[in-house]
C-alpha atoms as a PDB file:
ATOM      1  CA  MET A   1      63.837  84.454  98.437  1.00  0.00           C
ATOM      2  CA  GLU A   2      62.263  86.289 101.548  1.00  0.00           C
ATOM      3  CA  PRO A   3      62.164  90.176 100.877  1.00  0.00           C
ATOM      4  CA  ILE A   4      64.561  92.139 102.729  1.00  0.00           C
ATOM      5  CA  VAL A   5      62.848  94.426 105.410  1.00  0.00           C
ATOM      6  CA  ASP A   6      64.778  96.201 108.064  1.00  0.00           C
ATOM      7  CA  GLU A   7      65.196  99.657 109.301  1.00  0.00           C
ATOM      8  CA  ARG A   8      68.889 100.204 107.231  1.00  0.00           C
ATOM      9  CA  PHE A   9      67.301  98.775 104.134  1.00  0.00           C
ATOM     10  CA  GLU A  10      64.446 101.201 103.738  1.00  0.00           C
ATOM     11  CA  MET A  11      67.027 104.070 104.532  1.00  0.00           C
ATOM     12  CA  MET A  12      69.278 102.934 101.823  1.00  0.00           C
ATOM     13  CA  LEU A  13      66.183 102.787  99.657  1.00  0.00           C
ATOM     14  CA  ASP A  14      65.558 106.376 100.419  1.00  0.00           C
ATOM     15  CA  TRP A  15      69.086 107.424  99.734  1.00  0.00           C
ATOM     16  CA  LEU A  16      69.145 105.652  96.771  1.00  0.00           C
ATOM     17  CA  LYS A  17      65.967 107.413  95.120  1.00  0.00           C
ATOM     18  CA  LYS A  18      67.606 110.924  95.635  1.00  0.00           C
ATOM     19  CA  GLN A  19      70.688 110.007  93.732  1.00  0.00           C
ATOM     20  CA  PRO A  20      71.200 111.956  90.346  1.00  0.00           C
ATOM     21  CA  LEU A  21      72.702 109.042  88.832  1.00  0.00           C
ATOM     22  CA  LEU A  22      69.595 107.103  88.940  1.00  0.00           C
ATOM     23  CA  ALA A  23      66.974 109.819  88.307  1.00  0.00           C
ATOM     24  CA  GLY A  24      64.458 108.887  85.856  1.00  0.00           C
ATOM     25  CA  CYS A  25      65.444 105.442  86.091  1.00  0.00           C
ATOM     26  CA  ASP A  26      62.635 102.704  86.394  1.00  0.00           C
ATOM     27  CA  MET A  27      64.818 101.202  89.309  1.00  0.00           C
ATOM     28  CA  SER A  28      64.051  97.778  90.903  1.00  0.00           C
ATOM     29  CA  HIS A  29      64.501  96.962  94.365  1.00  0.00           C
ATOM     30  CA  PRO A  30      68.311  95.972  95.379  1.00  0.00           C
ATOM     31  CA  VAL A  31      68.753  92.512  95.669  1.00  0.00           C
ATOM     32  CA  PRO A  32      71.437  90.518  97.751  1.00  0.00           C
ATOM     33  CA  ALA A  33      74.778  90.448  95.554  1.00  0.00           C
ATOM     34  CA  SER A  34      77.088  89.086  97.919  1.00  0.00           C
ATOM     35  CA  SER A  35      78.399  88.678 101.697  1.00  0.00           C
ATOM     36  CA  ASP A  36      81.531  88.833 103.468  1.00  0.00           C
ATOM     37  CA  ALA A  37      82.923  88.184 106.928  1.00  0.00           C
ATOM     38  CA  SER A  38      82.171  91.622 107.950  1.00  0.00           C
ATOM     39  CA  PHE A  39      79.114  93.601 109.013  1.00  0.00           C
ATOM     40  CA  ARG A  40      78.816  95.163 105.307  1.00  0.00           C
ATOM     41  CA  ARG A  41      76.063  93.896 103.093  1.00  0.00           C
ATOM     42  CA  TYR A  42      75.957  94.310  99.406  1.00  0.00           C
ATOM     43  CA  PHE A  43      73.144  94.943  97.188  1.00  0.00           C
ATOM     44  CA  ARG A  44      72.767  95.045  93.261  1.00  0.00           C
ATOM     45  CA  VAL A  45      70.532  97.623  91.755  1.00  0.00           C
ATOM     46  CA  PHE A  46      69.247  97.409  88.289  1.00  0.00           C
ATOM     47  CA  ALA A  47      68.434 100.601  86.540  1.00  0.00           C
ATOM     48  CA  ASN A  48      66.747 101.213  83.564  1.00  0.00           C
ATOM     49  CA  SER A  49      66.527 104.302  81.227  1.00  0.00           C
ATOM     50  CA  GLU A  50      65.694 104.860  77.776  1.00  0.00           C
ATOM     51  CA  GLU A  51      69.252 106.216  76.895  1.00  0.00           C
ATOM     52  CA  THR A  52      71.499 103.513  78.277  1.00  0.00           C
ATOM     53  CA  GLY A  53      68.968 100.801  78.713  1.00  0.00           C
ATOM     54  CA  GLU A  54      69.642  98.557  81.860  1.00  0.00           C
ATOM     55  CA  THR A  55      72.600  99.163  84.016  1.00  0.00           C
ATOM     56  CA  SER A  56      73.395  97.816  87.434  1.00  0.00           C
ATOM     57  CA  PHE A  57      75.301  98.987  90.259  1.00  0.00           C
ATOM     58  CA  ILE A  58      76.141  97.903  93.726  1.00  0.00           C
ATOM     59  CA  VAL A  59      75.082  99.452  96.892  1.00  0.00           C
ATOM     60  CA  MET A  60      77.537  98.795 100.033  1.00  0.00           C
ATOM     61  CA  ASP A  61      75.453  98.958 103.438  1.00  0.00           C
ATOM     62  CA  ALA A  62      78.106  99.576 106.065  1.00  0.00           C
ATOM     63  CA  PRO A  63      76.746 100.110 109.613  1.00  0.00           C
ATOM     64  CA  VAL A  64      78.772 103.091 110.799  1.00  0.00           C
ATOM     65  CA  GLU A  65      79.048 101.620 114.472  1.00  0.00           C
ATOM     66  CA  HIS A  66      80.844  98.564 112.874  1.00  0.00           C
ATOM     67  CA  GLU A  67      82.511 100.057 109.820  1.00  0.00           C
ATOM     68  CA  ASP A  68      84.157 103.102 108.251  1.00  0.00           C
ATOM     69  CA  CYS A  69      83.655 103.460 104.691  1.00  0.00           C
ATOM     70  CA  ARG A  70      86.532 105.833 104.327  1.00  0.00           C
ATOM     71  CA  PRO A  71      89.131 103.377 104.191  1.00  0.00           C
ATOM     72  CA  PHE A  72      87.426 101.697 101.094  1.00  0.00           C
ATOM     73  CA  ILE A  73      87.053 105.195  99.304  1.00  0.00           C
ATOM     74  CA  ALA A  74      90.522 106.053  99.666  1.00  0.00           C
ATOM     75  CA  VAL A  75      92.222 102.594  98.456  1.00  0.00           C
ATOM     76  CA  SER A  76      89.330 102.688  95.538  1.00  0.00           C
ATOM     77  CA  ASP A  77      90.805 105.730  94.386  1.00  0.00           C
ATOM     78  CA  GLN A  78      94.614 104.487  94.851  1.00  0.00           C
ATOM     79  CA  LEU A  79      94.043 101.502  93.124  1.00  0.00           C
ATOM     80  CA  ASN A  80      91.811 102.936  90.201  1.00  0.00           C
ATOM     81  CA  LYS A  81      94.764 105.516  89.710  1.00  0.00           C
ATOM     82  CA  MET A  82      97.306 102.441  89.324  1.00  0.00           C
ATOM     83  CA  GLY A  83      95.194 101.268  86.536  1.00  0.00           C
ATOM     84  CA  LEU A  84      93.547  98.210  88.096  1.00  0.00           C
ATOM     85  CA  GLN A  85      90.046  97.081  88.043  1.00  0.00           C
ATOM     86  CA  VAL A  86      88.400  97.897  91.039  1.00  0.00           C
ATOM     87  CA  PRO A  87      84.721  99.219  91.981  1.00  0.00           C
ATOM     88  CA  LYS A  88      84.558 103.131  91.663  1.00  0.00           C
ATOM     89  CA  VAL A  89      82.445 104.908  94.460  1.00  0.00           C
ATOM     90  CA  LEU A  90      79.780 106.989  92.356  1.00  0.00           C
ATOM     91  CA  ALA A  91      78.223 108.280  95.498  1.00  0.00           C
ATOM     92  CA  GLN A  92      78.374 108.175  99.295  1.00  0.00           C
ATOM     93  CA  ASN A  93      76.827 108.704 102.482  1.00  0.00           C
ATOM     94  CA  LEU A  94      79.270 108.616 105.099  1.00  0.00           C
ATOM     95  CA  VAL A  95      76.703 109.556 108.053  1.00  0.00           C
ATOM     96  CA  GLN A  96      74.524 106.549 107.434  1.00  0.00           C
ATOM     97  CA  GLY A  97      77.287 104.418 105.761  1.00  0.00           C
ATOM     98  CA  TYR A  98      76.287 103.651 102.215  1.00  0.00           C
ATOM     99  CA  LEU A  99      77.915 103.765  98.769  1.00  0.00           C
ATOM    100  CA  LEU A 100      76.864 103.561  95.128  1.00  0.00           C
ATOM    101  CA  LEU A 101      79.569 101.595  93.579  1.00  0.00           C
ATOM    102  CA  THR A 102      80.218 100.556  89.794  1.00  0.00           C
ATOM    103  CA  ASP A 103      79.498  96.595  89.206  1.00  0.00           C
ATOM    104  CA  LEU A 104      82.001  94.316  88.371  1.00  0.00           C
ATOM    105  CA  GLY A 105      79.662  91.383  87.667  1.00  0.00           C
ATOM    106  CA  THR A 106      78.739  88.145  89.196  1.00  0.00           C
ATOM    107  CA  THR A 107      81.875  85.608  88.110  1.00  0.00           C
ATOM    108  CA  THR A 108      84.078  85.188  91.135  1.00  0.00           C
ATOM    109  CA  TYR A 109      87.695  83.564  90.285  1.00  0.00           C
ATOM    110  CA  LEU A 110      86.271  80.601  92.622  1.00  0.00           C
ATOM    111  CA  SER A 111      83.405  79.865  90.785  1.00  0.00           C
ATOM    112  CA  ALA A 112      85.227  80.074  87.466  1.00  0.00           C
ATOM    113  CA  LEU A 113      88.203  78.055  88.691  1.00  0.00           C
ATOM    114  CA  GLU A 114      86.111  75.117  89.871  1.00  0.00           C
ATOM    115  CA  GLY A 115      84.991  74.478  86.403  1.00  0.00           C
ATOM    116  CA  ALA A 116      88.181  75.526  84.529  1.00  0.00           C
ATOM    117  CA  ASN A 117      90.452  73.285  82.752  1.00  0.00           C
ATOM    118  CA  GLU A 118      94.466  73.748  82.970  1.00  0.00           C
ATOM    119  CA  VAL A 119      94.932  76.178  80.208  1.00  0.00           C
ATOM    120  CA  GLU A 120      91.672  78.573  81.479  1.00  0.00           C
ATOM    121  CA  ALA A 121      93.139  78.281  85.366  1.00  0.00           C
ATOM    122  CA  ASP A 122      96.531  79.431  84.326  1.00  0.00           C
ATOM    123  CA  ARG A 123      95.232  82.269  82.438  1.00  0.00           C
ATOM    124  CA  LEU A 124      93.080  83.542  85.281  1.00  0.00           C
ATOM    125  CA  TYR A 125      96.121  83.172  87.718  1.00  0.00           C
ATOM    126  CA  GLN A 126      98.656  84.679  85.474  1.00  0.00           C
ATOM    127  CA  ASP A 127      96.100  87.999  85.031  1.00  0.00           C
ATOM    128  CA  ALA A 128      95.737  87.936  89.016  1.00  0.00           C
ATOM    129  CA  LEU A 129      99.640  87.816  89.573  1.00  0.00           C
ATOM    130  CA  SER A 130     100.347  90.462  86.711  1.00  0.00           C
ATOM    131  CA  ALA A 131      97.514  92.622  88.749  1.00  0.00           C
ATOM    132  CA  LEU A 132      99.288  92.114  91.943  1.00  0.00           C
ATOM    133  CA  VAL A 133     102.826  93.109  90.275  1.00  0.00           C
ATOM    134  CA  ARG A 134     101.255  96.239  89.118  1.00  0.00           C
ATOM    135  CA  LEU A 135      99.848  96.725  92.241  1.00  0.00           C
ATOM    136  CA  GLN A 136     103.408  96.396  94.010  1.00  0.00           C
ATOM    137  CA  LYS A 137     104.992  98.375  91.419  1.00  0.00           C
ATOM    138  CA  LYS A 138     102.746 101.064  90.946  1.00  0.00           C
ATOM    139  CA  GLY A 139     101.495 101.483  94.567  1.00  0.00           C
ATOM    140  CA  GLN A 140     105.091 102.144  96.283  1.00  0.00           C
ATOM    141  CA  SER A 141     104.166 105.540  97.069  1.00  0.00           C
ATOM    142  CA  ALA A 142     100.577 105.184  97.995  1.00  0.00           C
ATOM    143  CA  ALA A 143     101.881 102.382 100.067  1.00  0.00           C
ATOM    144  CA  GLN A 144     103.372 104.900 102.402  1.00  0.00           C
ATOM    145  CA  LYS A 145      99.977 106.063 103.577  1.00  0.00           C
ATOM    146  CA  LEU A 146      98.603 102.737 104.721  1.00  0.00           C
ATOM    147  CA  PRO A 147      98.582 101.484 108.109  1.00  0.00           C
ATOM    148  CA  ALA A 148     101.761  99.373 108.787  1.00  0.00           C
ATOM    149  CA  TYR A 149     101.804  95.705 108.759  1.00  0.00           C
ATOM    150  CA  ASN A 150     104.082  95.555 111.734  1.00  0.00           C
ATOM    151  CA  GLN A 151     105.053  93.126 114.814  1.00  0.00           C
ATOM    152  CA  THR A 152     102.199  94.220 116.575  1.00  0.00           C
ATOM    153  CA  LEU A 153      99.602  93.706 114.162  1.00  0.00           C
ATOM    154  CA  LEU A 154     101.304  90.268 113.244  1.00  0.00           C
ATOM    155  CA  GLU A 155     101.136  88.890 116.652  1.00  0.00           C
ATOM    156  CA  THR A 156      97.535  89.945 117.372  1.00  0.00           C
ATOM    157  CA  GLU A 157      96.742  88.220 114.142  1.00  0.00           C
ATOM    158  CA  MET A 158      98.484  84.774 114.878  1.00  0.00           C
ATOM    159  CA  ASN A 159      96.923  84.994 118.334  1.00  0.00           C
ATOM    160  CA  LEU A 160      93.525  84.239 116.707  1.00  0.00           C
ATOM    161  CA  PHE A 161      94.932  80.704 116.436  1.00  0.00           C
ATOM    162  CA  PRO A 162      95.227  79.869 120.186  1.00  0.00           C
ATOM    163  CA  GLU A 163      92.349  81.723 121.095  1.00  0.00           C
ATOM    164  CA  TRP A 164      89.618  81.274 118.873  1.00  0.00           C
ATOM    165  CA  LEU A 165      90.784  78.007 117.311  1.00  0.00           C
ATOM    166  CA  ILE A 166      92.302  75.811 120.103  1.00  0.00           C
ATOM    167  CA  GLY A 167      90.583  77.655 123.206  1.00  0.00           C
ATOM    168  CA  THR A 168      87.145  78.663 121.929  1.00  0.00           C
ATOM    169  CA  HIS A 169      86.291  75.893 119.228  1.00  0.00           C
ATOM    170  CA  LEU A 170      88.050  73.044 120.590  1.00  0.00           C
ATOM    171  CA  ASN A 171      88.119  73.826 124.096  1.00  0.00           C
ATOM    172  CA  VAL A 172      91.648  72.695 125.018  1.00  0.00           C
ATOM    173  CA  SER A 173      94.556  74.280 126.343  1.00  0.00           C
ATOM    174  CA  LEU A 174      98.328  74.716 125.771  1.00  0.00           C
ATOM    175  CA  ASP A 175     100.696  73.076 128.496  1.00  0.00           C
ATOM    176  CA  ARG A 176     103.886  74.728 129.695  1.00  0.00           C
ATOM    177  CA  VAL A 177     106.013  73.362 126.804  1.00  0.00           C
ATOM    178  CA  GLU A 178     103.663  74.003 123.630  1.00  0.00           C
ATOM    179  CA  LYS A 179     103.386  77.388 124.911  1.00  0.00           C
ATOM    180  CA  HIS A 180     106.913  77.910 124.742  1.00  0.00           C
ATOM    181  CA  ASP A 181     107.219  76.283 121.411  1.00  0.00           C
ATOM    182  CA  TRP A 182     104.311  78.308 120.126  1.00  0.00           C
ATOM    183  CA  GLN A 183     106.023  81.558 121.303  1.00  0.00           C
ATOM    184  CA  ASN A 184     109.035  80.661 119.677  1.00  0.00           C
ATOM    185  CA  VAL A 185     107.204  79.645 116.293  1.00  0.00           C
ATOM    186  CA  GLN A 186     105.230  82.913 116.325  1.00  0.00           C
ATOM    187  CA  GLN A 187     108.750  84.846 116.793  1.00  0.00           C
ATOM    188  CA  LEU A 188     110.551  83.254 113.965  1.00  0.00           C
ATOM    189  CA  LEU A 189     107.560  83.983 111.727  1.00  0.00           C
ATOM    190  CA  GLN A 190     107.491  87.449 112.863  1.00  0.00           C
ATOM    191  CA  ARG A 191     110.900  87.898 111.966  1.00  0.00           C
ATOM    192  CA  SER A 192     110.642  86.546 108.603  1.00  0.00           C
ATOM    193  CA  ALA A 193     107.618  88.574 107.561  1.00  0.00           C
ATOM    194  CA  LEU A 194     109.326  92.015 109.009  1.00  0.00           C
ATOM    195  CA  ALA A 195     112.593  91.376 106.846  1.00  0.00           C
ATOM    196  CA  GLN A 196     110.738  91.110 103.543  1.00  0.00           C
ATOM    197  CA  PRO A 197     110.697  94.039 101.322  1.00  0.00           C
ATOM    198  CA  LEU A 198     107.734  96.320 102.143  1.00  0.00           C
ATOM    199  CA  THR A 199     105.018  96.918  99.516  1.00  0.00           C
ATOM    200  CA  TYR A 200     101.196  97.471  99.076  1.00  0.00           C
ATOM    201  CA  VAL A 201      99.387  94.696 100.440  1.00  0.00           C
ATOM    202  CA  HIS A 202      95.796  94.107  99.752  1.00  0.00           C
ATOM    203  CA  ARG A 203      95.475  91.611 102.553  1.00  0.00           C
ATOM    204  CA  ASP A 204      92.825  89.378 101.347  1.00  0.00           C
ATOM    205  CA  TYR A 205      93.749  88.563  97.627  1.00  0.00           C
ATOM    206  CA  HIS A 206      92.238  85.152  96.978  1.00  0.00           C
ATOM    207  CA  SER A 207      89.509  83.662  94.913  1.00  0.00           C
ATOM    208  CA  ARG A 208      86.186  85.010  96.391  1.00  0.00           C
ATOM    209  CA  ASN A 209      87.521  88.810  95.978  1.00  0.00           C
ATOM    210  CA  LEU A 210      88.752  88.610  92.295  1.00  0.00           C
ATOM    211  CA  MET A 211      85.970  88.747  89.736  1.00  0.00           C
ATOM    212  CA  VAL A 212      86.260  87.461  86.100  1.00  0.00           C
ATOM    213  CA  THR A 213      85.870  90.816  83.913  1.00  0.00           C
ATOM    214  CA  SER A 214      86.101  91.002  80.119  1.00  0.00           C
ATOM    215  CA  LYS A 215      88.298  94.201  80.405  1.00  0.00           C
ATOM    216  CA  ASP A 216      91.412  94.693  82.622  1.00  0.00           C
ATOM    217  CA  ASN A 217      91.077  90.703  84.278  1.00  0.00           C
ATOM    218  CA  PRO A 218      90.606  90.683  87.246  1.00  0.00           C
ATOM    219  CA  GLY A 219      88.330  92.716  89.017  1.00  0.00           C
ATOM    220  CA  ILE A 220      89.425  93.124  92.598  1.00  0.00           C
ATOM    221  CA  LEU A 221      87.265  93.608  95.783  1.00  0.00           C
ATOM    222  CA  ASP A 222      87.371  94.013  99.506  1.00  0.00           C
ATOM    223  CA  PHE A 223      90.407  96.064  99.661  1.00  0.00           C
ATOM    224  CA  GLN A 224      89.603  98.572 102.584  1.00  0.00           C
ATOM    225  CA  ASP A 225      92.122  96.617 105.122  1.00  0.00           C
ATOM    226  CA  ALA A 226      95.070  97.392 102.823  1.00  0.00           C
ATOM    227  CA  VAL A 227      98.420  97.767 104.618  1.00  0.00           C
ATOM    228  CA  HIS A 228     102.034  98.551 104.047  1.00  0.00           C
ATOM    229  CA  GLY A 229     103.565  95.162 104.540  1.00  0.00           C
ATOM    230  CA  ALA A 230     105.212  91.863 103.264  1.00  0.00           C
ATOM    231  CA  LEU A 231     106.066  91.643  99.670  1.00  0.00           C
ATOM    232  CA  THR A 232     104.912  88.026  99.536  1.00  0.00           C
ATOM    233  CA  TYR A 233     101.834  87.996 101.460  1.00  0.00           C
ATOM    234  CA  ASP A 234      98.959  88.693  98.783  1.00  0.00           C
ATOM    235  CA  ALA A 235     100.788  86.254  96.391  1.00  0.00           C
ATOM    236  CA  VAL A 236     100.811  83.269  99.098  1.00  0.00           C
ATOM    237  CA  SER A 237      96.953  84.269  99.661  1.00  0.00           C
ATOM    238  CA  LEU A 238      96.306  83.534  96.030  1.00  0.00           C
ATOM    239  CA  LEU A 239      98.362  80.524  95.442  1.00  0.00           C
ATOM    240  CA  ARG A 240      97.550  78.779  98.725  1.00  0.00           C
ATOM    241  CA  ASP A 241      93.947  79.884  98.733  1.00  0.00           C
ATOM    242  CA  CYS A 242      91.817  78.877 101.862  1.00  0.00           C
ATOM    243  CA  TYR A 243      88.871  77.910  99.532  1.00  0.00           C
ATOM    244  CA  ILE A 244      90.603  75.947  96.399  1.00  0.00           C
ATOM    245  CA  SER A 245      93.834  74.069  95.985  1.00  0.00           C
ATOM    246  CA  TRP A 246      95.996  73.159  93.308  1.00  0.00           C
ATOM    247  CA  PRO A 247      98.892  70.437  93.369  1.00  0.00           C
ATOM    248  CA  GLN A 248     102.145  71.518  94.629  1.00  0.00           C
ATOM    249  CA  GLU A 249     103.708  71.349  91.141  1.00  0.00           C
ATOM    250  CA  GLN A 250     101.246  73.730  89.713  1.00  0.00           C
ATOM    251  CA  VAL A 251     101.713  76.141  92.774  1.00  0.00           C
ATOM    252  CA  SER A 252     105.462  76.218  92.137  1.00  0.00           C
ATOM    253  CA  GLU A 253     105.180  77.061  88.700  1.00  0.00           C
ATOM    254  CA  TRP A 254     102.725  79.907  89.357  1.00  0.00           C
ATOM    255  CA  GLN A 255     105.468  80.883  92.165  1.00  0.00           C
ATOM    256  CA  ARG A 256     108.130  80.939  89.799  1.00  0.00           C
ATOM    257  CA  SER A 257     106.341  82.866  87.289  1.00  0.00           C
ATOM    258  CA  TYR A 258     105.352  85.542  89.757  1.00  0.00           C
ATOM    259  CA  PHE A 259     108.731  85.763  90.840  1.00  0.00           C
ATOM    260  CA  LEU A 260     110.156  86.467  87.221  1.00  0.00           C
ATOM    261  CA  GLN A 261     107.756  89.219  87.087  1.00  0.00           C
ATOM    262  CA  LEU A 262     109.008  90.733  90.219  1.00  0.00           C
ATOM    263  CA  CYS A 263     112.580  90.546  88.988  1.00  0.00           C
ATOM    264  CA  GLU A 264     111.433  92.431  85.703  1.00  0.00           C
ATOM    265  CA  ALA A 265     109.820  95.152  87.670  1.00  0.00           C
ATOM    266  CA  LYS A 266     113.142  95.403  89.662  1.00  0.00           C
ATOM    267  CA  LEU A 267     111.518  94.589  92.892  1.00  0.00           C
ATOM    268  CA  VAL A 268     113.704  91.329  93.784  1.00  0.00           C
ATOM    269  CA  SER A 269     116.759  89.988  92.104  1.00  0.00           C
ATOM    270  CA  LYS A 270     117.070  86.662  90.245  1.00  0.00           C
ATOM    271  CA  ASP A 271     119.786  85.594  92.845  1.00  0.00           C
ATOM    272  CA  GLU A 272     116.987  85.489  95.950  1.00  0.00           C
ATOM    273  CA  TRP A 273     115.049  82.805  94.675  1.00  0.00           C
ATOM    274  CA  GLN A 274     115.687  80.416  97.423  1.00  0.00           C
ATOM    275  CA  ALA A 275     115.270  82.845  99.978  1.00  0.00           C
ATOM    276  CA  PHE A 276     112.380  84.312  98.435  1.00  0.00           C
ATOM    277  CA  GLN A 277     110.148  80.715  98.528  1.00  0.00           C
ATOM    278  CA  LYS A 278     111.129  80.363 102.143  1.00  0.00           C
ATOM    279  CA  SER A 279     109.857  83.881 103.016  1.00  0.00           C
ATOM    280  CA  MET A 280     106.552  83.099 100.998  1.00  0.00           C
ATOM    281  CA  ASP A 281     106.405  79.792 102.602  1.00  0.00           C
ATOM    282  CA  TRP A 282     106.557  81.317 106.117  1.00  0.00           C
ATOM    283  CA  MET A 283     104.208  84.396 105.125  1.00  0.00           C
ATOM    284  CA  GLY A 284     101.659  81.553 104.178  1.00  0.00           C
ATOM    285  CA  ILE A 285     102.220  79.888 107.352  1.00  0.00           C
ATOM    286  CA  GLN A 286     101.504  83.125 109.561  1.00  0.00           C
ATOM    287  CA  ARG A 287      98.476  83.882 107.349  1.00  0.00           C
ATOM    288  CA  HIS A 288      96.779  80.508 107.759  1.00  0.00           C
ATOM    289  CA  LEU A 289      97.158  80.585 111.571  1.00  0.00           C
ATOM    290  CA  LYS A 290      95.485  83.760 111.412  1.00  0.00           C
ATOM    291  CA  ALA A 291      92.659  82.502 108.932  1.00  0.00           C
ATOM    292  CA  SER A 292      91.761  79.215 110.916  1.00  0.00           C
ATOM    293  CA  GLY A 293      91.382  81.669 114.076  1.00  0.00           C
ATOM    294  CA  ILE A 294      89.059  84.013 112.391  1.00  0.00           C
ATOM    295  CA  PHE A 295      86.827  81.324 110.861  1.00  0.00           C
ATOM    296  CA  CYS A 296      86.337  80.012 114.126  1.00  0.00           C
ATOM    297  CA  ARG A 297      85.485  83.677 115.409  1.00  0.00           C
ATOM    298  CA  LEU A 298      83.176  84.149 112.763  1.00  0.00           C
ATOM    299  CA  ALA A 299      81.470  80.703 113.728  1.00  0.00           C
ATOM    300  CA  HIS A 300      81.156  81.502 117.283  1.00  0.00           C
ATOM    301  CA  ARG A 301      80.787  85.395 117.616  1.00  0.00           C
ATOM    302  CA  ASP A 302      79.276  86.099 114.698  1.00  0.00           C
ATOM    303  CA  GLY A 303      76.884  83.129 113.712  1.00  0.00           C
ATOM    304  CA  LYS A 304      78.674  82.381 110.554  1.00  0.00           C
ATOM    305  CA  ASP A 305      79.126  78.497 110.834  1.00  0.00           C
ATOM    306  CA  SER A 306      79.944  78.081 107.253  1.00  0.00           C
ATOM    307  CA  TYR A 307      83.443  79.042 107.834  1.00  0.00           C
ATOM    308  CA  LEU A 308      84.351  76.160 109.519  1.00  0.00           C
ATOM    309  CA  ASN A 309      84.118  74.043 106.285  1.00  0.00           C
ATOM    310  CA  ASP A 310      87.167  76.033 105.347  1.00  0.00           C
ATOM    311  CA  ILE A 311      89.599  74.990 108.284  1.00  0.00           C
ATOM    312  CA  PRO A 312      90.728  71.671 107.270  1.00  0.00           C
ATOM    313  CA  LEU A 313      92.285  72.899 104.092  1.00  0.00           C
ATOM    314  CA  THR A 314      93.664  75.652 106.140  1.00  0.00           C
ATOM    315  CA  LEU A 315      95.150  73.461 108.591  1.00  0.00           C
ATOM    316  CA  ASP A 316      96.332  71.199 105.831  1.00  0.00           C
ATOM    317  CA  TYR A 317      98.504  73.592 104.408  1.00  0.00           C
ATOM    318  CA  LEU A 318     100.103  74.476 107.832  1.00  0.00           C
ATOM    319  CA  VAL A 319     101.352  70.738 108.079  1.00  0.00           C
ATOM    320  CA  GLN A 320     102.425  70.211 104.240  1.00  0.00           C
ATOM    321  CA  VAL A 321     104.517  73.495 104.213  1.00  0.00           C
ATOM    322  CA  GLY A 322     105.362  73.480 107.826  1.00  0.00           C
ATOM    323  CA  SER A 323     106.768  69.717 107.403  1.00  0.00           C
ATOM    324  CA  LEU A 324     109.461  71.260 104.868  1.00  0.00           C
ATOM    325  CA  TYR A 325     111.146  73.381 107.486  1.00  0.00           C
ATOM    326  CA  PRO A 326     113.022  72.274 110.786  1.00  0.00           C
ATOM    327  CA  GLU A 327     112.171  75.334 112.181  1.00  0.00           C
ATOM    328  CA  MET A 328     108.195  74.603 112.076  1.00  0.00           C
ATOM    329  CA  ILE A 329     108.576  70.946 113.550  1.00  0.00           C
ATOM    330  CA  ASP A 330     107.124  72.135 116.998  1.00  0.00           C
ATOM    331  CA  LEU A 331     103.927  73.717 115.155  1.00  0.00           C
ATOM    332  CA  VAL A 332     103.424  70.577 113.190  1.00  0.00           C
ATOM    333  CA  ARG A 333     103.639  68.319 116.268  1.00  0.00           C
ATOM    334  CA  LEU A 334     100.954  70.438 117.846  1.00  0.00           C
ATOM    335  CA  LEU A 335      99.091  70.245 115.012  1.00  0.00           C
ATOM    336  CA  GLU A 336      99.371  66.355 114.132  1.00  0.00           C
ATOM    337  CA  ASN A 337      99.314  65.068 117.569  1.00  0.00           C
ATOM    338  CA  LYS A 338      96.499  67.620 119.569  1.00  0.00           C
ATOM    339  CA  ILE A 339      94.734  69.738 116.907  1.00  0.00           C
ATOM    340  CA  LEU A 340      93.815  67.589 114.006  1.00  0.00           C
ATOM    341  CA  PRO A 341      92.907  64.593 116.324  1.00  0.00           C
ATOM    342  CA  LYS A 342      90.566  66.765 118.338  1.00  0.00           C
ATOM    343  CA  LEU A 343      88.977  68.327 115.147  1.00  0.00           C
ATOM    344  CA  ALA A 344      88.657  64.944 113.301  1.00  0.00           C
ATOM    345  CA  GLY A 345      86.461  63.822 116.778  1.00  0.00           C
ATOM    346  CA  PHE A 346      84.253  66.980 116.288  1.00  0.00           C
ATOM    347  CA  SER A 347      83.460  66.132 112.686  1.00  0.00           C
ATOM    348  CA  ASN A 348      82.719  62.465 114.049  1.00  0.00           C
ATOM    349  CA  GLN A 349      80.099  63.401 116.038  1.00  0.00           C
END
């Protein structure tokens, strides 16, 4: 691996050397720990001392002109107080944009699930759903301090689909009827989302942001964009993950398990099951419209082409779930008649 040499990296090393927590340690140079869809970078630091042996930490590099560390710090504190397993902030430099964090290990849910049997996969998902219910039950007060997942934000997110996937990536446009149909779908999805009970929403709760940990599984990452919004958003992000898929029968079992836990926590009542299913399905449609647009934006604006590989599964969810509801037939028709054939043409080039 080529050594990382840039001005921010050198500044980060200088800052780390001044940290009391690392004083007296034989510290190796940080090595890349992970990457995400933002301007943030993460490095793993291995510190050695006679008293504790080798200990690893994570360093977040968040350029201040692009990222604000304060939401991460605030949400980390909130989730820690709820008893959830998240990185703790050990040291901070808000002027330069560096955080020193506890390390939750190297095993993501995605890597563990790709080789898991049914029993192992069920255990991991049950842990993740239980942690989510804890967040939603214990986070009701803290959620009031978060930005609102309101109509404006919902509309902005869904517009990523026509702007970046249809327009920029596929270079096609919608005719007058298609634009009218699209606006109608948007309004239906917005009304459904806004009618749901409000809760603490992680906003990116999926297999790449969950870590397998020996204690208080799972470890939860990438929570800084948390909002006060719809109850089903995080659950559908997990169960209809853009990076790994499961048979519908298995998804339904986990969905039912999650619903029963919500009932036990008195966040919903048992007579709401059918309405809950529909709300969750439609929330997933909203999320996957947003995600497909973001994947294209990451490729065309930020040069992160690998995210284009995640578009087929995301669009497959839209067709699969949208086909269950007559109200979504215009969206399904747009995908099947215009979007998917054009996308297939790209793949064959």
